[in-house]
């Protein structure tokens, strides 16, 4: 018949073949979902113990003594550098932000209490290792470790790393010079 065009179609696949064809996409979606759930669980675990409005009252000397005893036994379970990449599942910046929030919370808790910042240097190193572009972490950690934490050598180490990553930032060499002067 004139005007009819026949188009060759490939043979139809069975339903089991088409279901197998979509399996890689489904696996990726389920994997991403499990990673997001794990990150949310990690975020909730890291933020427990953070400041709340109920904790913003002045502490009495007996409360400070009890808090000193509890904090002297304080142990934070923080991974070392090489374990971070494995733990982050490729989400280094997200994990860096979580550690940053935990670092700020840790600093605030001890600033209001005993002003003993034993873990602050390690926490700052974790943040800057996961996200070397976090210039705010170099500034804050460099100042607080040297001036508030009385740990100028750790501050110089973090600030030197920041200077390598941000050579045009004039504040970092200034802070390092101030830290050298205070050591």
Protein backbone atom coordinates (compact mmCIF):
# COMPACT_ATOMS: atom_id res chain seq x y z
CA UNK A 1 0.00 0.00 0.00
CA UNK A 2 1.33 3.36 -0.86
CA UNK A 3 1.96 5.78 2.02
CA UNK A 4 2.61 3.11 4.65
CA UNK A 5 6.01 3.10 6.27
CA UNK A 6 7.24 0.13 8.20
CA UNK A 7 9.64 0.77 11.06
CA UNK A 8 11.66 -2.07 12.41
CA UNK A 9 11.44 -2.30 16.19
CA UNK A 10 13.85 -4.28 18.27
CA UNK A 11 12.47 -7.39 19.80
CA UNK A 12 10.69 -6.66 23.05
CA UNK A 13 12.51 -7.53 26.21
CA UNK A 14 11.04 -9.72 28.82
CA UNK A 15 10.04 -8.06 32.07
CA UNK A 16 12.92 -9.67 33.94
CA UNK A 17 15.45 -8.16 31.52
CA UNK A 18 14.00 -4.64 31.85
CA UNK A 19 13.91 -4.97 35.65
CA UNK A 20 17.59 -5.95 35.63
CA UNK A 21 18.37 -2.98 33.41
CA UNK A 22 17.08 -0.57 36.12
CA UNK A 23 18.87 -2.26 39.04
CA UNK A 24 22.08 -0.15 38.90
CA UNK A 25 20.06 3.06 39.17
CA UNK A 26 18.06 1.65 42.07
CA UNK A 27 21.22 0.54 43.86
CA UNK A 28 22.72 4.02 43.51
CA UNK A 29 19.55 5.64 44.86
CA UNK A 30 19.45 3.27 47.85
CA UNK A 31 23.16 3.81 48.50
CA UNK A 32 22.78 7.61 48.44
CA UNK A 33 19.78 7.37 50.74
CA UNK A 34 21.73 5.27 53.25
CA UNK A 35 24.60 7.78 53.15
CA UNK A 36 22.24 10.67 53.83
CA UNK A 37 20.64 8.79 56.71
CA UNK A 38 24.08 8.04 58.15
CA UNK A 39 25.10 11.69 57.84
CA UNK A 40 21.94 12.76 59.64
CA UNK A 41 22.64 10.26 62.41
CA UNK A 42 26.23 11.47 62.62
CA UNK A 43 25.05 15.08 62.80
CA UNK A 44 22.66 14.27 65.63
CA UNK A 45 25.39 12.35 67.47
CA UNK A 46 27.87 15.22 67.07
CA UNK A 47 25.47 17.90 68.21
CA UNK A 48 24.36 16.21 71.40
CA UNK A 49 25.56 18.19 74.34
CA UNK A 50 25.61 21.47 72.46
CA UNK A 51 24.55 24.67 74.18
CA UNK A 52 20.91 25.30 74.85
CA UNK A 53 19.18 28.30 76.36
CA UNK A 54 18.71 26.45 79.63
CA UNK A 55 22.50 26.23 80.07
CA UNK A 56 23.10 29.97 79.76
CA UNK A 57 22.78 30.78 83.45
CA UNK A 58 25.78 31.76 85.60
CA UNK A 59 27.44 28.81 87.31
CA UNK A 60 28.11 28.72 91.05
CA UNK A 61 31.51 27.65 92.36
CA UNK A 62 30.21 24.21 93.39
CA UNK A 63 28.73 23.72 89.92
CA UNK A 64 32.05 24.76 88.37
CA UNK A 65 33.93 22.28 90.59
CA UNK A 66 31.58 19.46 89.58
CA UNK A 67 31.91 20.49 85.97
CA UNK A 68 35.73 20.55 86.27
CA UNK A 69 35.74 17.01 87.60
CA UNK A 70 33.46 15.83 84.81
CA UNK A 71 35.49 17.59 82.13
CA UNK A 72 38.77 16.24 83.42
CA UNK A 73 37.37 12.82 82.53
CA UNK A 74 35.98 14.09 79.24
CA UNK A 75 36.95 11.94 76.30
CA UNK A 76 35.91 12.83 72.79
CA UNK A 77 35.86 10.04 70.26
CA UNK A 78 37.28 11.79 67.24
CA UNK A 79 38.82 9.96 64.31
CA UNK A 80 42.34 10.49 63.16
CA UNK A 81 43.12 12.07 59.80
CA UNK A 82 43.42 8.93 57.63
CA UNK A 83 40.13 7.56 58.92
CA UNK A 84 38.23 10.67 57.92
CA UNK A 85 38.19 10.05 54.18
CA UNK A 86 36.81 6.56 54.72
CA UNK A 87 34.24 7.81 57.20
CA UNK A 88 33.04 10.64 54.94
CA UNK A 89 32.07 8.46 51.95
CA UNK A 90 33.14 11.31 49.67
CA UNK A 91 31.23 13.98 51.60
CA UNK A 92 34.29 15.67 53.11
CA UNK A 93 32.78 19.17 53.13
CA UNK A 94 29.58 18.02 54.82
CA UNK A 95 31.55 16.18 57.49
CA UNK A 96 33.82 19.21 57.85
CA UNK A 97 30.79 21.39 58.55
CA UNK A 98 29.58 18.91 61.18
CA UNK A 99 32.96 18.95 62.89
CA UNK A 100 32.99 22.75 62.65
CA UNK A 101 29.66 22.97 64.49
CA UNK A 102 30.98 20.55 67.09
CA UNK A 103 34.19 22.59 67.46
CA UNK A 104 32.30 25.83 68.02
CA UNK A 105 30.03 24.11 70.53
CA UNK A 106 33.04 22.62 72.33
CA UNK A 107 34.76 26.01 72.49
CA UNK A 108 31.63 27.75 73.80
CA UNK A 109 31.06 25.09 76.46
CA UNK A 110 34.60 25.40 77.79
CA UNK A 111 34.69 29.18 77.41
CA UNK A 112 31.77 29.42 79.81
CA UNK A 113 33.27 26.80 82.10
CA UNK A 114 36.85 25.83 82.80
CA UNK A 115 38.54 27.38 79.73
CA UNK A 116 40.41 24.14 79.19
CA UNK A 117 40.57 23.50 75.44
CA UNK A 118 42.36 20.15 75.32
CA UNK A 119 40.62 18.89 72.17
CA UNK A 120 40.25 22.16 70.24
CA UNK A 121 43.48 21.79 68.29
CA UNK A 122 42.57 18.28 67.13
CA UNK A 123 39.06 19.36 66.19
CA UNK A 124 40.41 22.29 64.16
CA UNK A 125 42.83 20.00 62.36
CA UNK A 126 39.94 17.68 61.44
CA UNK A 127 37.93 20.59 60.02
CA UNK A 128 40.81 21.95 57.97
CA UNK A 129 41.89 18.51 56.77
CA UNK A 130 38.42 17.72 55.45
CA UNK A 131 37.90 21.16 53.91
CA UNK A 132 41.17 23.00 53.24
CA UNK A 133 39.13 25.89 51.75
CA UNK A 134 37.50 26.67 55.12
CA UNK A 135 39.27 29.97 55.72
CA UNK A 136 37.01 30.77 58.68
CA UNK A 137 38.40 27.75 60.51
CA UNK A 138 41.99 28.94 60.12
CA UNK A 139 41.09 32.41 61.40
CA UNK A 140 39.04 31.25 64.39
CA UNK A 141 41.26 28.36 65.42
CA UNK A 142 44.44 30.39 65.01
CA UNK A 143 43.14 33.15 67.26
CA UNK A 144 41.48 31.02 69.89
CA UNK A 145 44.26 28.46 70.23
CA UNK A 146 46.88 31.17 70.71
CA UNK A 147 44.99 33.75 72.72
CA UNK A 148 42.33 31.89 74.62
CA UNK A 149 43.72 28.35 74.74
CA UNK A 150 47.34 29.38 75.42
CA UNK A 151 48.54 26.89 72.78
CA UNK A 152 50.58 29.05 70.39
CA UNK A 153 52.47 26.15 68.78
CA UNK A 154 49.23 24.46 67.67
CA UNK A 155 47.94 27.82 66.45
CA UNK A 156 51.12 28.39 64.42
CA UNK A 157 50.79 24.94 62.85
CA UNK A 158 47.17 25.56 61.75
CA UNK A 159 47.91 29.11 60.59
CA UNK A 160 50.91 27.90 58.55
CA UNK A 161 48.65 25.42 56.78
CA UNK A 162 46.18 28.23 56.17
CA UNK A 163 48.91 30.43 54.70
CA UNK A 164 49.83 27.62 52.28
CA UNK A 165 46.20 27.32 51.18
CA UNK A 166 45.47 31.08 51.13
CA UNK A 167 48.70 32.89 50.21
CA UNK A 168 46.88 36.17 49.45
CA UNK A 169 45.08 36.34 52.83
CA UNK A 170 46.99 38.94 54.87
CA UNK A 171 45.20 38.10 58.14
CA UNK A 172 46.75 34.64 58.48
CA UNK A 173 50.40 35.82 58.54
CA UNK A 174 49.38 38.58 60.94
CA UNK A 175 47.78 36.04 63.29
CA UNK A 176 50.81 33.77 63.00
CA UNK A 177 53.08 36.67 63.91
CA UNK A 178 50.89 37.46 66.91
CA UNK A 179 51.06 33.80 67.94
CA UNK A 180 54.85 33.77 67.60
CA UNK A 181 55.00 36.86 69.79
CA UNK A 182 52.86 35.22 72.48
CA UNK A 183 54.86 31.96 72.56
